């Protein structure tokens, strides 16, 4: 019984931490109103880590552009 519970816990942990390749796509608007769409990175990681990296990347561009909007694809 203990081994069955242990196997179930291990399977759950493996499923929740699956890695996948995520792309961070951003839309930048400069002070003249020009809109540019760029892919700022591809990463093979978990979704939560990819979201954090995408958010951190978008924050680094906020000082250069009027508006920055990034999302995972």
C-alpha atoms as a PDB file:
ATOM      1  CA  UNK A   1       0.000   0.000   0.000  1.00  0.00           C
ATOM      2  CA  UNK A   2       2.840   2.393   0.852  1.00  0.00           C
ATOM      3  CA  UNK A   3       4.527   1.722  -2.462  1.00  0.00           C
ATOM      4  CA  UNK A   4       1.296   2.451  -4.338  1.00  0.00           C
ATOM      5  CA  UNK A   5       0.933   5.808  -2.590  1.00  0.00           C
ATOM      6  CA  UNK A   6       4.604   6.602  -3.244  1.00  0.00           C
ATOM      7  CA  UNK A   7       4.238   5.780  -6.936  1.00  0.00           C
ATOM      8  CA  UNK A   8       1.127   7.971  -7.172  1.00  0.00           C
ATOM      9  CA  UNK A   9       2.969  10.902  -5.569  1.00  0.00           C
ATOM     10  CA  UNK A  10       5.940  10.513  -7.893  1.00  0.00           C
ATOM     11  CA  UNK A  11       3.670  10.343 -10.956  1.00  0.00           C
ATOM     12  CA  UNK A  12       1.846  13.477  -9.829  1.00  0.00           C
ATOM     13  CA  UNK A  13       5.099  15.376  -9.350  1.00  0.00           C
ATOM     14  CA  UNK A  14       6.390  14.317 -12.749  1.00  0.00           C
ATOM     15  CA  UNK A  15       3.197  15.387 -14.494  1.00  0.00           C
ATOM     16  CA  UNK A  16       3.081  18.786 -12.816  1.00  0.00           C
ATOM     17  CA  UNK A  17       6.682  19.623 -13.669  1.00  0.00           C
ATOM     18  CA  UNK A  18       6.676  18.641 -17.347  1.00  0.00           C
ATOM     19  CA  UNK A  19       8.834  20.822 -19.526  1.00  0.00           C
ATOM     20  CA  UNK A  20       7.734  22.177 -22.859  1.00  0.00           C
ATOM     21  CA  UNK A  21       9.099  24.742 -25.276  1.00  0.00           C
ATOM     22  CA  UNK A  22       7.412  28.112 -24.768  1.00  0.00           C
ATOM     23  CA  UNK A  23       7.813  31.255 -26.841  1.00  0.00           C
ATOM     24  CA  UNK A  24       7.528  34.729 -25.370  1.00  0.00           C
ATOM     25  CA  UNK A  25       5.910  37.060 -27.910  1.00  0.00           C
ATOM     26  CA  UNK A  26       5.781  40.794 -27.260  1.00  0.00           C
ATOM     27  CA  UNK A  27       4.166  43.868 -28.742  1.00  0.00           C
ATOM     28  CA  UNK A  28       6.125  47.091 -28.306  1.00  0.00           C
ATOM     29  CA  UNK A  29       4.804  50.621 -28.821  1.00  0.00           C
ATOM     30  CA  UNK A  30       7.356  53.445 -28.989  1.00  0.00           C
ATOM     31  CA  UNK A  31       6.825  57.137 -28.209  1.00  0.00           C
ATOM     32  CA  UNK A  32       5.831  57.866 -31.834  1.00  0.00           C
ATOM     33  CA  UNK A  33       3.045  55.276 -31.705  1.00  0.00           C
ATOM     34  CA  UNK A  34       4.831  52.751 -33.921  1.00  0.00           C
ATOM     35  CA  UNK A  35       3.919  49.168 -32.993  1.00  0.00           C
ATOM     36  CA  UNK A  36       6.433  46.341 -33.327  1.00  0.00           C
ATOM     37  CA  UNK A  37       5.814  42.661 -32.642  1.00  0.00           C
ATOM     38  CA  UNK A  38       8.785  40.507 -31.700  1.00  0.00           C
ATOM     39  CA  UNK A  39       9.549  37.119 -30.258  1.00  0.00           C
ATOM     40  CA  UNK A  40      11.959  37.789 -27.414  1.00  0.00           C
ATOM     41  CA  UNK A  41      12.772  34.244 -26.463  1.00  0.00           C
ATOM     42  CA  UNK A  42      12.162  30.549 -26.615  1.00  0.00           C
ATOM     43  CA  UNK A  43      12.625  28.452 -23.545  1.00  0.00           C
ATOM     44  CA  UNK A  44      12.269  24.804 -22.649  1.00  0.00           C
ATOM     45  CA  UNK A  45      10.969  24.827 -19.110  1.00  0.00           C
ATOM     46  CA  UNK A  46       7.782  24.619 -17.074  1.00  0.00           C
ATOM     47  CA  UNK A  47       4.947  27.022 -17.821  1.00  0.00           C
ATOM     48  CA  UNK A  48       5.304  28.954 -14.563  1.00  0.00           C
ATOM     49  CA  UNK A  49       9.048  29.465 -15.057  1.00  0.00           C
ATOM     50  CA  UNK A  50       8.505  30.465 -18.689  1.00  0.00           C
ATOM     51  CA  UNK A  51       5.863  33.003 -17.624  1.00  0.00           C
ATOM     52  CA  UNK A  52       8.250  34.507 -15.079  1.00  0.00           C
ATOM     53  CA  UNK A  53      11.045  34.755 -17.658  1.00  0.00           C
ATOM     54  CA  UNK A  54       8.634  36.347 -20.145  1.00  0.00           C
ATOM     55  CA  UNK A  55       7.456  38.861 -17.547  1.00  0.00           C
ATOM     56  CA  UNK A  56      11.047  39.668 -16.552  1.00  0.00           C
ATOM     57  CA  UNK A  57      11.952  40.156 -20.211  1.00  0.00           C
ATOM     58  CA  UNK A  58       9.041  42.497 -20.814  1.00  0.00           C
ATOM     59  CA  UNK A  59       9.953  44.527 -17.726  1.00  0.00           C
ATOM     60  CA  UNK A  60      13.455  45.088 -19.084  1.00  0.00           C
ATOM     61  CA  UNK A  61      11.991  46.758 -22.209  1.00  0.00           C
ATOM     62  CA  UNK A  62       9.564  49.075 -20.361  1.00  0.00           C
ATOM     63  CA  UNK A  63      12.164  51.813 -19.961  1.00  0.00           C
ATOM     64  CA  UNK A  64      12.675  51.951 -23.744  1.00  0.00           C
ATOM     65  CA  UNK A  65       9.072  51.711 -25.001  1.00  0.00           C
ATOM     66  CA  UNK A  66       5.837  53.500 -24.110  1.00  0.00           C
ATOM     67  CA  UNK A  67       3.940  50.208 -23.899  1.00  0.00           C
ATOM     68  CA  UNK A  68       5.081  46.588 -23.696  1.00  0.00           C
ATOM     69  CA  UNK A  69       2.732  43.623 -23.743  1.00  0.00           C
ATOM     70  CA  UNK A  70       4.101  40.049 -23.653  1.00  0.00           C
ATOM     71  CA  UNK A  71       2.470  36.641 -23.542  1.00  0.00           C
ATOM     72  CA  UNK A  72       3.416  32.989 -23.888  1.00  0.00           C
ATOM     73  CA  UNK A  73       2.659  31.078 -27.054  1.00  0.00           C
END
